[in-house]
Every structure is written in C-alpha cells, then in structure tokens.
Amino acid sequence: MKNLKLLRNQKGLSQQKLADILHISQQSVYKYENDITSPDIDTLKKIADYFETSIDYVVGYTDLPHKIEPTVKLTLNQDEARLIKKYQNLSPRRRSVIHSVIDSYDDKY
C-alpha cells in the first residue's frame, strides 16, 4: 500500500474520513498505510476507484498514477499509422480542427 497515504494526503483526508468513505475502520486504513495488513480485493477496488487510479498504483507496482483504461487492438496500415502519429503531435487546438473536419464528412452528423 505504498501510495495510499500519499493519495489520502493529496486529497486532504484524515484516516477516519477515508475510512468513512470506504466503509471500513480507521484502524484498517492505519494498518494498510503501515504495511501491517493488506486490504481484500474489493477494498482495493474501492480505493482505486475513489482516487481514480489503478490498483497497481495504490500498491506500488507502478509509478503511473492514472487509471489504466481498456485498450482495443487495431491493425493499421502504414498510412493510418502515419496519420495517427501526426495527430498525436498536434496541439489540442489543432486536434479540435481535425475533429471538426472529420465530423463534417461523417454521415451520422
């Protein structure tokens, strides 16, 4: 539970307040933060969901604090891969222009 205390402090929560949110005891939060005991998987899920992060981050298996989103494997040809790479290098403003152009060609809109 390497990052639990860090996450709790970033939100300005006391151990008791976090315990109330998770419907567990303050003693449990203390024990998790001090590696005295470990939470069950349901509690780990609640912690990760509350802090909008991954279980891996909470327990210290990764340094990436963001939630891991599901991915879809796509097979791209070279032209598509090149376009995506160029898109990724655009500023948010220019990306929105691209969205507008694509939307204007999409029959659903």
PDB file of N, CA and C in Angstrom:
ATOM      1  N   MET A   1       0.834  -1.196   0.000  1.00  0.00           N
ATOM      2  CA  MET A   1       0.000   0.000   0.000  1.00  0.00           C
ATOM      3  C   MET A   1       0.874   1.254   0.000  1.00  0.00           C
ATOM      4  N   LYS A   2       1.915   1.193  -0.780  1.00  0.00           N
ATOM      5  CA  LYS A   2       2.928   2.244  -0.837  1.00  0.00           C
ATOM      6  C   LYS A   2       2.345   3.643  -1.046  1.00  0.00           C
ATOM      7  N   ASN A   3       1.342   3.768  -1.895  1.00  0.00           N
ATOM      8  CA  ASN A   3       0.855   5.097  -2.270  1.00  0.00           C
ATOM      9  C   ASN A   3      -0.450   5.514  -1.603  1.00  0.00           C
ATOM     10  N   LEU A   4      -1.010   4.680  -0.748  1.00  0.00           N
ATOM     11  CA  LEU A   4      -2.291   5.027  -0.127  1.00  0.00           C
ATOM     12  C   LEU A   4      -2.186   6.304   0.702  1.00  0.00           C
ATOM     13  N   LYS A   5      -1.168   6.401   1.540  1.00  0.00           N
ATOM     14  CA  LYS A   5      -1.022   7.590   2.375  1.00  0.00           C
ATOM     15  C   LYS A   5      -0.810   8.834   1.516  1.00  0.00           C
ATOM     16  N   LEU A   6      -0.007   8.709   0.466  1.00  0.00           N
ATOM     17  CA  LEU A   6       0.220   9.824  -0.453  1.00  0.00           C
ATOM     18  C   LEU A   6      -1.094  10.290  -1.080  1.00  0.00           C
ATOM     19  N   LEU A   7      -1.878   9.355  -1.585  1.00  0.00           N
ATOM     20  CA  LEU A   7      -3.165   9.697  -2.207  1.00  0.00           C
ATOM     21  C   LEU A   7      -4.103  10.351  -1.196  1.00  0.00           C
ATOM     22  N   ARG A   8      -4.148   9.787  -0.002  1.00  0.00           N
ATOM     23  CA  ARG A   8      -5.027  10.326   1.041  1.00  0.00           C
ATOM     24  C   ARG A   8      -4.621  11.747   1.394  1.00  0.00           C
ATOM     25  N   ASN A   9      -3.322  11.983   1.561  1.00  0.00           N
ATOM     26  CA  ASN A   9      -2.840  13.326   1.905  1.00  0.00           C
ATOM     27  C   ASN A   9      -3.073  14.326   0.776  1.00  0.00           C
ATOM     28  N   GLN A  10      -2.940  13.878  -0.478  1.00  0.00           N
ATOM     29  CA  GLN A  10      -3.184  14.775  -1.613  1.00  0.00           C
ATOM     30  C   GLN A  10      -4.623  15.271  -1.625  1.00  0.00           C
ATOM     31  N   LYS A  11      -5.542  14.442  -1.156  1.00  0.00           N
ATOM     32  CA  LYS A  11      -6.960  14.849  -1.093  1.00  0.00           C
ATOM     33  C   LYS A  11      -7.293  15.567   0.206  1.00  0.00           C
ATOM     34  N   GLY A  12      -6.315  15.651   1.115  1.00  0.00           N
ATOM     35  CA  GLY A  12      -6.553  16.323   2.390  1.00  0.00           C
ATOM     36  C   GLY A  12      -7.479  15.555   3.310  1.00  0.00           C
ATOM     37  N   LEU A  13      -7.417  14.242   3.238  1.00  0.00           N
ATOM     38  CA  LEU A  13      -8.302  13.402   4.040  1.00  0.00           C
ATOM     39  C   LEU A  13      -7.583  12.850   5.263  1.00  0.00           C
ATOM     40  N   SER A  14      -8.284  12.792   6.353  1.00  0.00           N
ATOM     41  CA  SER A  14      -7.764  12.082   7.524  1.00  0.00           C
ATOM     42  C   SER A  14      -7.986  10.589   7.312  1.00  0.00           C
ATOM     43  N   GLN A  15      -7.324   9.784   8.113  1.00  0.00           N
ATOM     44  CA  GLN A  15      -7.562   8.338   8.032  1.00  0.00           C
ATOM     45  C   GLN A  15      -9.030   8.035   8.320  1.00  0.00           C
ATOM     46  N   GLN A  16      -9.606   8.737   9.284  1.00  0.00           N
ATOM     47  CA  GLN A  16     -11.005   8.488   9.636  1.00  0.00           C
ATOM     48  C   GLN A  16     -11.949   8.842   8.497  1.00  0.00           C
ATOM     49  N   LYS A  17     -11.699   9.972   7.838  1.00  0.00           N
ATOM     50  CA  LYS A  17     -12.566  10.379   6.726  1.00  0.00           C
ATOM     51  C   LYS A  17     -12.490   9.362   5.592  1.00  0.00           C
ATOM     52  N   LEU A  18     -11.277   8.909   5.249  1.00  0.00           N
ATOM     53  CA  LEU A  18     -11.143   7.891   4.204  1.00  0.00           C
ATOM     54  C   LEU A  18     -11.839   6.604   4.631  1.00  0.00           C
ATOM     55  N   ALA A  19     -11.683   6.230   5.877  1.00  0.00           N
ATOM     56  CA  ALA A  19     -12.354   5.031   6.392  1.00  0.00           C
ATOM     57  C   ALA A  19     -13.872   5.154   6.233  1.00  0.00           C
ATOM     58  N   ASP A  20     -14.410   6.317   6.550  1.00  0.00           N
ATOM     59  CA  ASP A  20     -15.855   6.544   6.399  1.00  0.00           C
ATOM     60  C   ASP A  20     -16.281   6.405   4.942  1.00  0.00           C
ATOM     61  N   ILE A  21     -15.494   6.960   4.039  1.00  0.00           N
ATOM     62  CA  ILE A  21     -15.810   6.900   2.606  1.00  0.00           C
ATOM     63  C   ILE A  21     -15.811   5.457   2.112  1.00  0.00           C
ATOM     64  N   LEU A  22     -14.834   4.671   2.596  1.00  0.00           N
ATOM     65  CA  LEU A  22     -14.685   3.284   2.140  1.00  0.00           C
ATOM     66  C   LEU A  22     -15.504   2.289   2.960  1.00  0.00           C
ATOM     67  N   HIS A  23     -16.161   2.773   4.016  1.00  0.00           N
ATOM     68  CA  HIS A  23     -16.953   1.919   4.911  1.00  0.00           C
ATOM     69  C   HIS A  23     -16.093   0.848   5.573  1.00  0.00           C
ATOM     70  N   ILE A  24     -14.938   1.300   6.079  1.00  0.00           N
ATOM     71  CA  ILE A  24     -14.042   0.443   6.844  1.00  0.00           C
ATOM     72  C   ILE A  24     -13.633   1.208   8.096  1.00  0.00           C
ATOM     73  N   SER A  25     -12.852   0.586   8.959  1.00  0.00           N
ATOM     74  CA  SER A  25     -12.434   1.264  10.186  1.00  0.00           C
ATOM     75  C   SER A  25     -11.189   2.113   9.949  1.00  0.00           C
ATOM     76  N   GLN A  26     -11.013   3.104  10.808  1.00  0.00           N
ATOM     77  CA  GLN A  26      -9.806   3.933  10.754  1.00  0.00           C
ATOM     78  C   GLN A  26      -8.581   3.074  11.024  1.00  0.00           C
ATOM     79  N   GLN A  27      -8.722   2.076  11.891  1.00  0.00           N
ATOM     80  CA  GLN A  27      -7.617   1.183  12.187  1.00  0.00           C
ATOM     81  C   GLN A  27      -7.181   0.412  10.947  1.00  0.00           C
ATOM     82  N   SER A  28      -8.132   0.053  10.094  1.00  0.00           N
ATOM     83  CA  SER A  28      -7.793  -0.641   8.849  1.00  0.00           C
ATOM     84  C   SER A  28      -6.951   0.245   7.948  1.00  0.00           C
ATOM     85  N   VAL A  29      -7.349   1.513   7.811  1.00  0.00           N
ATOM     86  CA  VAL A  29      -6.572   2.447   6.986  1.00  0.00           C
ATOM     87  C   VAL A  29      -5.157   2.561   7.547  1.00  0.00           C
ATOM     88  N   TYR A  30      -5.034   2.702   8.864  1.00  0.00           N
ATOM     89  CA  TYR A  30      -3.723   2.789   9.507  1.00  0.00           C
ATOM     90  C   TYR A  30      -2.891   1.546   9.192  1.00  0.00           C
ATOM     91  N   LYS A  31      -3.488   0.383   9.322  1.00  0.00           N
ATOM     92  CA  LYS A  31      -2.763  -0.870   9.082  1.00  0.00           C
ATOM     93  C   LYS A  31      -2.354  -1.006   7.614  1.00  0.00           C
ATOM     94  N   TYR A  32      -3.204  -0.565   6.690  1.00  0.00           N
ATOM     95  CA  TYR A  32      -2.852  -0.611   5.263  1.00  0.00           C
ATOM     96  C   TYR A  32      -1.658   0.301   4.982  1.00  0.00           C
ATOM     97  N   GLU A  33      -1.734   1.526   5.515  1.00  0.00           N
ATOM     98  CA  GLU A  33      -0.679   2.506   5.251  1.00  0.00           C
ATOM     99  C   GLU A  33       0.669   2.105   5.859  1.00  0.00           C
ATOM    100  N   ASN A  34       0.640   1.326   6.913  1.00  0.00           N
ATOM    101  CA  ASN A  34       1.863   0.939   7.606  1.00  0.00           C
ATOM    102  C   ASN A  34       2.262  -0.510   7.334  1.00  0.00           C
ATOM    103  N   ASP A  35       1.688  -1.098   6.299  1.00  0.00           N
ATOM    104  CA  ASP A  35       2.013  -2.470   5.875  1.00  0.00           C
ATOM    105  C   ASP A  35       1.891  -3.501   6.995  1.00  0.00           C
ATOM    106  N   ILE A  36       0.925  -3.297   7.853  1.00  0.00           N
ATOM    107  CA  ILE A  36       0.663  -4.264   8.913  1.00  0.00           C
ATOM    108  C   ILE A  36      -0.253  -5.363   8.378  1.00  0.00           C
ATOM    109  N   THR A  37      -1.171  -4.965   7.516  1.00  0.00           N
ATOM    110  CA  THR A  37      -2.077  -5.904   6.864  1.00  0.00           C
ATOM    111  C   THR A  37      -2.419  -5.351   5.483  1.00  0.00           C
ATOM    112  N   SER A  38      -3.035  -6.165   4.670  1.00  0.00           N
ATOM    113  CA  SER A  38      -3.413  -5.749   3.314  1.00  0.00           C
ATOM    114  C   SER A  38      -4.927  -5.835   3.145  1.00  0.00           C
ATOM    115  N   PRO A  39      -5.487  -4.929   2.365  1.00  0.00           N
ATOM    116  CA  PRO A  39      -6.934  -4.975   2.123  1.00  0.00           C
ATOM    117  C   PRO A  39      -7.301  -6.124   1.184  1.00  0.00           C
ATOM    118  N   ASP A  40      -8.550  -6.547   1.260  1.00  0.00           N
ATOM    119  CA  ASP A  40      -9.019  -7.549   0.308  1.00  0.00           C
ATOM    120  C   ASP A  40      -9.234  -6.882  -1.050  1.00  0.00           C
ATOM    121  N   ILE A  41      -9.465  -7.679  -2.059  1.00  0.00           N
ATOM    122  CA  ILE A  41      -9.569  -7.159  -3.429  1.00  0.00           C
ATOM    123  C   ILE A  41     -10.726  -6.172  -3.586  1.00  0.00           C
ATOM    124  N   ASP A  42     -11.845  -6.406  -2.916  1.00  0.00           N
ATOM    125  CA  ASP A  42     -12.972  -5.467  -3.020  1.00  0.00           C
ATOM    126  C   ASP A  42     -12.604  -4.093  -2.454  1.00  0.00           C
ATOM    127  N   THR A  43     -11.887  -4.087  -1.348  1.00  0.00           N
ATOM    128  CA  THR A  43     -11.454  -2.815  -0.762  1.00  0.00           C
ATOM    129  C   THR A  43     -10.430  -2.135  -1.657  1.00  0.00           C
ATOM    130  N   LEU A  44      -9.515  -2.916  -2.238  1.00  0.00           N
ATOM    131  CA  LEU A  44      -8.551  -2.345  -3.183  1.00  0.00           C
ATOM    132  C   LEU A  44      -9.265  -1.676  -4.354  1.00  0.00           C
ATOM    133  N   LYS A  45     -10.299  -2.323  -4.869  1.00  0.00           N
ATOM    134  CA  LYS A  45     -11.070  -1.739  -5.974  1.00  0.00           C
ATOM    135  C   LYS A  45     -11.715  -0.421  -5.548  1.00  0.00           C
ATOM    136  N   LYS A  46     -12.288  -0.401  -4.346  1.00  0.00           N
ATOM    137  CA  LYS A  46     -12.920   0.826  -3.841  1.00  0.00           C
ATOM    138  C   LYS A  46     -11.899   1.961  -3.706  1.00  0.00           C
ATOM    139  N   ILE A  47     -10.720   1.617  -3.184  1.00  0.00           N
ATOM    140  CA  ILE A  47      -9.666   2.626  -3.017  1.00  0.00           C
ATOM    141  C   ILE A  47      -9.256   3.181  -4.379  1.00  0.00           C
ATOM    142  N   ALA A  48      -8.977   2.291  -5.323  1.00  0.00           N
ATOM    143  CA  ALA A  48      -8.549   2.725  -6.653  1.00  0.00           C
ATOM    144  C   ALA A  48      -9.644   3.548  -7.334  1.00  0.00           C
ATOM    145  N   ASP A  49     -10.883   3.113  -7.236  1.00  0.00           N
ATOM    146  CA  ASP A  49     -11.985   3.862  -7.842  1.00  0.00           C
ATOM    147  C   ASP A  49     -12.137   5.240  -7.201  1.00  0.00           C
ATOM    148  N   TYR A  50     -12.060   5.304  -5.884  1.00  0.00           N
ATOM    149  CA  TYR A  50     -12.222   6.588  -5.209  1.00  0.00           C
ATOM    150  C   TYR A  50     -11.141   7.581  -5.643  1.00  0.00           C
ATOM    151  N   PHE A  51      -9.901   7.115  -5.716  1.00  0.00           N
ATOM    152  CA  PHE A  51      -8.802   8.007  -6.075  1.00  0.00           C
ATOM    153  C   PHE A  51      -8.584   8.097  -7.583  1.00  0.00           C
ATOM    154  N   GLU A  52      -9.441   7.441  -8.367  1.00  0.00           N
ATOM    155  CA  GLU A  52      -9.367   7.450  -9.830  1.00  0.00           C
ATOM    156  C   GLU A  52      -7.979   7.054 -10.309  1.00  0.00           C
ATOM    157  N   THR A  53      -7.503   5.932  -9.800  1.00  0.00           N
ATOM    158  CA  THR A  53      -6.195   5.403 -10.162  1.00  0.00           C
ATOM    159  C   THR A  53      -6.320   3.895 -10.311  1.00  0.00           C
ATOM    160  N   SER A  54      -5.192   3.238 -10.483  1.00  0.00           N
ATOM    161  CA  SER A  54      -5.210   1.777 -10.624  1.00  0.00           C
ATOM    162  C   SER A  54      -4.799   1.115  -9.318  1.00  0.00           C
ATOM    163  N   ILE A  55      -5.204  -0.118  -9.153  1.00  0.00           N
ATOM    164  CA  ILE A  55      -4.769  -0.901  -8.001  1.00  0.00           C
ATOM    165  C   ILE A  55      -3.245  -1.001  -8.012  1.00  0.00           C
ATOM    166  N   ASP A  56      -2.660  -1.171  -9.199  1.00  0.00           N
ATOM    167  CA  ASP A  56      -1.204  -1.257  -9.302  1.00  0.00           C
ATOM    168  C   ASP A  56      -0.531  -0.025  -8.701  1.00  0.00           C
ATOM    169  N   TYR A  57      -1.098   1.154  -8.916  1.00  0.00           N
ATOM    170  CA  TYR A  57      -0.510   2.368  -8.341  1.00  0.00           C
ATOM    171  C   TYR A  57      -0.685   2.390  -6.825  1.00  0.00           C
ATOM    172  N   VAL A  58      -1.857   2.019  -6.361  1.00  0.00           N
ATOM    173  CA  VAL A  58      -2.118   2.036  -4.918  1.00  0.00           C
ATOM    174  C   VAL A  58      -1.105   1.158  -4.178  1.00  0.00           C
ATOM    175  N   VAL A  59      -0.843  -0.022  -4.718  1.00  0.00           N
ATOM    176  CA  VAL A  59       0.052  -0.958  -4.024  1.00  0.00           C
ATOM    177  C   VAL A  59       1.525  -0.758  -4.374  1.00  0.00           C
ATOM    178  N   GLY A  60       1.824   0.160  -5.298  1.00  0.00           N
ATOM    179  CA  GLY A  60       3.210   0.485  -5.604  1.00  0.00           C
ATOM    180  C   GLY A  60       3.849  -0.333  -6.706  1.00  0.00           C
ATOM    181  N   TYR A  61       3.048  -1.021  -7.527  1.00  0.00           N
ATOM    182  CA  TYR A  61       3.605  -1.795  -8.642  1.00  0.00           C
ATOM    183  C   TYR A  61       3.936  -0.930  -9.850  1.00  0.00           C
ATOM    184  N   THR A  62       3.416   0.296  -9.868  1.00  0.00           N
ATOM    185  CA  THR A  62       3.708   1.231 -10.949  1.00  0.00           C
ATOM    186  C   THR A  62       3.809   2.630 -10.369  1.00  0.00           C
ATOM    187  N   ASP A  63       4.535   3.483 -11.065  1.00  0.00           N
ATOM    188  CA  ASP A  63       4.638   4.889 -10.674  1.00  0.00           C
ATOM    189  C   ASP A  63       3.669   5.765 -11.460  1.00  0.00           C
ATOM    190  N   LEU A  64       2.856   5.148 -12.310  1.00  0.00           N
ATOM    191  CA  LEU A  64       1.888   5.892 -13.125  1.00  0.00           C
ATOM    192  C   LEU A  64       0.588   6.040 -12.346  1.00  0.00           C
ATOM    193  N   PRO A  65       0.258   7.269 -11.927  1.00  0.00           N
ATOM    194  CA  PRO A  65      -0.904   7.452 -11.066  1.00  0.00           C
ATOM    195  C   PRO A  65      -2.256   7.448 -11.771  1.00  0.00           C
ATOM    196  N   HIS A  66      -2.264   7.407 -13.093  1.00  0.00           N
ATOM    197  CA  HIS A  66      -3.557   7.459 -13.771  1.00  0.00           C
ATOM    198  C   HIS A  66      -4.176   6.072 -13.890  1.00  0.00           C
ATOM    199  N   LYS A  67      -5.476   6.072 -14.036  1.00  0.00           N
ATOM    200  CA  LYS A  67      -6.221   4.832 -14.194  1.00  0.00           C
ATOM    201  C   LYS A  67      -5.872   4.216 -15.545  1.00  0.00           C
ATOM    202  N   ILE A  68      -5.707   2.924 -15.558  1.00  0.00           N
ATOM    203  CA  ILE A  68      -5.389   2.225 -16.789  1.00  0.00           C
ATOM    204  C   ILE A  68      -6.695   1.925 -17.520  1.00  0.00           C
ATOM    205  N   GLU A  69      -6.812   2.473 -18.704  1.00  0.00           N
ATOM    206  CA  GLU A  69      -8.030   2.321 -19.489  1.00  0.00           C
ATOM    207  C   GLU A  69      -7.941   1.065 -20.358  1.00  0.00           C
ATOM    208  N   PRO A  70      -9.078   0.444 -20.624  1.00  0.00           N
ATOM    209  CA  PRO A  70      -9.065  -0.701 -21.534  1.00  0.00           C
ATOM    210  C   PRO A  70      -8.580  -0.283 -22.921  1.00  0.00           C
ATOM    211  N   THR A  71      -7.887  -1.172 -23.579  1.00  0.00           N
ATOM    212  CA  THR A  71      -7.403  -0.875 -24.915  1.00  0.00           C
ATOM    213  C   THR A  71      -8.026  -1.828 -25.926  1.00  0.00           C
ATOM    214  N   VAL A  72      -8.030  -1.382 -27.150  1.00  0.00           N
ATOM    215  CA  VAL A  72      -8.532  -2.184 -28.248  1.00  0.00           C
ATOM    216  C   VAL A  72      -7.396  -2.320 -29.249  1.00  0.00           C
ATOM    217  N   LYS A  73      -7.092  -3.546 -29.629  1.00  0.00           N
ATOM    218  CA  LYS A  73      -6.028  -3.748 -30.604  1.00  0.00           C
ATOM    219  C   LYS A  73      -6.571  -3.446 -31.993  1.00  0.00           C
ATOM    220  N   LEU A  74      -5.881  -2.567 -32.689  1.00  0.00           N
ATOM    221  CA  LEU A  74      -6.260  -2.203 -34.042  1.00  0.00           C
ATOM    222  C   LEU A  74      -5.112  -2.560 -34.984  1.00  0.00           C
ATOM    223  N   THR A  75      -5.472  -3.011 -36.140  1.00  0.00           N
ATOM    224  CA  THR A  75      -4.467  -3.247 -37.165  1.00  0.00           C
ATOM    225  C   THR A  75      -4.523  -2.066 -38.119  1.00  0.00           C
ATOM    226  N   LEU A  76      -3.417  -1.342 -38.199  1.00  0.00           N
ATOM    227  CA  LEU A  76      -3.360  -0.157 -39.034  1.00  0.00           C
ATOM    228  C   LEU A  76      -2.403  -0.392 -40.193  1.00  0.00           C
ATOM    229  N   ASN A  77      -2.767   0.162 -41.347  1.00  0.00           N
ATOM    230  CA  ASN A  77      -1.803   0.129 -42.444  1.00  0.00           C
ATOM    231  C   ASN A  77      -0.815   1.284 -42.219  1.00  0.00           C
ATOM    232  N   GLN A  78       0.209   1.364 -43.053  1.00  0.00           N
ATOM    233  CA  GLN A  78       1.253   2.379 -42.861  1.00  0.00           C
ATOM    234  C   GLN A  78       0.713   3.792 -42.933  1.00  0.00           C
ATOM    235  N   ASP A  79      -0.229   4.032 -43.846  1.00  0.00           N
ATOM    236  CA  ASP A  79      -0.802   5.368 -43.999  1.00  0.00           C
ATOM    237  C   ASP A  79      -1.572   5.760 -42.736  1.00  0.00           C
ATOM    238  N   GLU A  80      -2.377   4.848 -42.213  1.00  0.00           N
ATOM    239  CA  GLU A  80      -3.145   5.130 -40.995  1.00  0.00           C
ATOM    240  C   GLU A  80      -2.224   5.372 -39.803  1.00  0.00           C
ATOM    241  N   ALA A  81      -1.196   4.559 -39.677  1.00  0.00           N
ATOM    242  CA  ALA A  81      -0.243   4.722 -38.574  1.00  0.00           C
ATOM    243  C   ALA A  81       0.462   6.069 -38.663  1.00  0.00           C
ATOM    244  N   ARG A  82       0.832   6.486 -39.871  1.00  0.00           N
ATOM    245  CA  ARG A  82       1.487   7.773 -40.081  1.00  0.00           C
ATOM    246  C   ARG A  82       0.554   8.925 -39.698  1.00  0.00           C
ATOM    247  N   LEU A  83      -0.721   8.828 -40.077  1.00  0.00           N
ATOM    248  CA  LEU A  83      -1.688   9.872 -39.739  1.00  0.00           C
ATOM    249  C   LEU A  83      -1.899   9.974 -38.222  1.00  0.00           C
ATOM    250  N   ILE A  84      -1.971   8.847 -37.561  1.00  0.00           N
ATOM    251  CA  ILE A  84      -2.149   8.860 -36.107  1.00  0.00           C
ATOM    252  C   ILE A  84      -0.939   9.489 -35.429  1.00  0.00           C
ATOM    253  N   LYS A  85       0.239   9.162 -35.889  1.00  0.00           N
ATOM    254  CA  LYS A  85       1.456   9.743 -35.317  1.00  0.00           C
ATOM    255  C   LYS A  85       1.440  11.268 -35.481  1.00  0.00           C
ATOM    256  N   LYS A  86       1.047  11.737 -36.657  1.00  0.00           N
ATOM    257  CA  LYS A  86       0.966  13.188 -36.884  1.00  0.00           C
ATOM    258  C   LYS A  86      -0.090  13.814 -35.975  1.00  0.00           C
ATOM    259  N   TYR A  87      -1.235  13.148 -35.833  1.00  0.00           N
ATOM    260  CA  TYR A  87      -2.318  13.638 -34.969  1.00  0.00           C
ATOM    261  C   TYR A  87      -1.830  13.769 -33.526  1.00  0.00           C
ATOM    262  N   GLN A  88      -1.100  12.776 -33.040  1.00  0.00           N
ATOM    263  CA  GLN A  88      -0.605  12.796 -31.663  1.00  0.00           C
ATOM    264  C   GLN A  88       0.333  13.972 -31.412  1.00  0.00           C
ATOM    265  N   ASN A  89       0.986  14.462 -32.434  1.00  0.00           N
ATOM    266  CA  ASN A  89       1.915  15.583 -32.278  1.00  0.00           C
ATOM    267  C   ASN A  89       1.233  16.953 -32.366  1.00  0.00           C
ATOM    268  N   LEU A  90      -0.060  16.968 -32.667  1.00  0.00           N
ATOM    269  CA  LEU A  90      -0.787  18.230 -32.781  1.00  0.00           C
ATOM    270  C   LEU A  90      -1.140  18.806 -31.410  1.00  0.00           C
ATOM    271  N   SER A  91      -1.293  20.114 -31.371  1.00  0.00           N
ATOM    272  CA  SER A  91      -1.776  20.772 -30.152  1.00  0.00           C
ATOM    273  C   SER A  91      -3.268  20.462 -29.997  1.00  0.00           C
ATOM    274  N   PRO A  92      -3.799  20.620 -28.786  1.00  0.00           N
ATOM    275  CA  PRO A  92      -5.236  20.381 -28.591  1.00  0.00           C
ATOM    276  C   PRO A  92      -6.116  21.227 -29.520  1.00  0.00           C
ATOM    277  N   ARG A  93      -5.703  22.459 -29.775  1.00  0.00           N
ATOM    278  CA  ARG A  93      -6.484  23.342 -30.656  1.00  0.00           C
ATOM    279  C   ARG A  93      -6.533  22.782 -32.079  1.00  0.00           C
ATOM    280  N   ARG A  94      -5.387  22.340 -32.571  1.00  0.00           N
ATOM    281  CA  ARG A  94      -5.346  21.791 -33.929  1.00  0.00           C
ATOM    282  C   ARG A  94      -6.064  20.454 -34.010  1.00  0.00           C
ATOM    283  N   ARG A  95      -6.033  19.691 -32.924  1.00  0.00           N
ATOM    284  CA  ARG A  95      -6.790  18.437 -32.909  1.00  0.00           C
ATOM    285  C   ARG A  95      -8.288  18.710 -33.050  1.00  0.00           C
ATOM    286  N   SER A  96      -8.759  19.770 -32.402  1.00  0.00           N
ATOM    287  CA  SER A  96     -10.190  20.085 -32.490  1.00  0.00           C
ATOM    288  C   SER A  96     -10.581  20.471 -33.912  1.00  0.00           C
ATOM    289  N   VAL A  97      -9.670  21.106 -34.648  1.00  0.00           N
ATOM    290  CA  VAL A  97      -9.924  21.433 -36.055  1.00  0.00           C
ATOM    291  C   VAL A  97     -10.062  20.142 -36.855  1.00  0.00           C
ATOM    292  N   ILE A  98      -9.177  19.187 -36.606  1.00  0.00           N
ATOM    293  CA  ILE A  98      -9.248  17.895 -37.297  1.00  0.00           C
ATOM    294  C   ILE A  98     -10.570  17.205 -36.986  1.00  0.00           C
ATOM    295  N   HIS A  99     -10.992  17.256 -35.729  1.00  0.00           N
ATOM    296  CA  HIS A  99     -12.282  16.657 -35.347  1.00  0.00           C
ATOM    297  C   HIS A  99     -13.426  17.283 -36.132  1.00  0.00           C
ATOM    298  N   SER A 100     -13.386  18.590 -36.260  1.00  0.00           N
ATOM    299  CA  SER A 100     -14.440  19.293 -36.995  1.00  0.00           C
ATOM    300  C   SER A 100     -14.483  18.870 -38.460  1.00  0.00           C
ATOM    301  N   VAL A 101     -13.318  18.755 -39.060  1.00  0.00           N
ATOM    302  CA  VAL A 101     -13.255  18.340 -40.465  1.00  0.00           C
ATOM    303  C   VAL A 101     -13.793  16.920 -40.618  1.00  0.00           C
ATOM    304  N   ILE A 102     -13.355  16.026 -39.756  1.00  0.00           N
ATOM    305  CA  ILE A 102     -13.829  14.632 -39.844  1.00  0.00           C
ATOM    306  C   ILE A 102     -15.329  14.569 -39.609  1.00  0.00           C
ATOM    307  N   ASP A 103     -15.815  15.312 -38.606  1.00  0.00           N
ATOM    308  CA  ASP A 103     -17.243  15.327 -38.312  1.00  0.00           C
ATOM    309  C   ASP A 103     -18.053  15.829 -39.509  1.00  0.00           C
ATOM    310  N   SER A 104     -17.509  16.775 -40.276  1.00  0.00           N
ATOM    311  CA  SER A 104     -18.245  17.313 -41.415  1.00  0.00           C
ATOM    312  C   SER A 104     -18.378  16.266 -42.542  1.00  0.00           C
ATOM    313  N   TYR A 105     -17.520  15.273 -42.558  1.00  0.00           N
ATOM    314  CA  TYR A 105     -17.574  14.208 -43.559  1.00  0.00           C
ATOM    315  C   TYR A 105     -18.333  12.985 -43.078  1.00  0.00           C
ATOM    316  N   ASP A 106     -18.607  12.912 -41.813  1.00  0.00           N
ATOM    317  CA  ASP A 106     -19.283  11.748 -41.232  1.00  0.00           C
ATOM    318  C   ASP A 106     -20.792  11.869 -41.482  1.00  0.00           C
ATOM    319  N   ASP A 107     -21.380  10.881 -42.065  1.00  0.00           N
ATOM    320  CA  ASP A 107     -22.806  10.902 -42.404  1.00  0.00           C
ATOM    321  C   ASP A 107     -23.705  10.914 -41.168  1.00  0.00           C
ATOM    322  N   LYS A 108     -23.189  10.503 -40.022  1.00  0.00           N
ATOM    323  CA  LYS A 108     -24.015  10.455 -38.810  1.00  0.00           C
ATOM    324  C   LYS A 108     -24.302  11.832 -38.262  1.00  0.00           C
ATOM    325  N   TYR A 109     -23.530  12.818 -38.625  1.00  0.00           N
ATOM    326  CA  TYR A 109     -23.711  14.157 -38.025  1.00  0.00           C
ATOM    327  C   TYR A 109     -24.515  15.038 -38.893  1.00  0.00           C
TER     328      TYR A 109
END
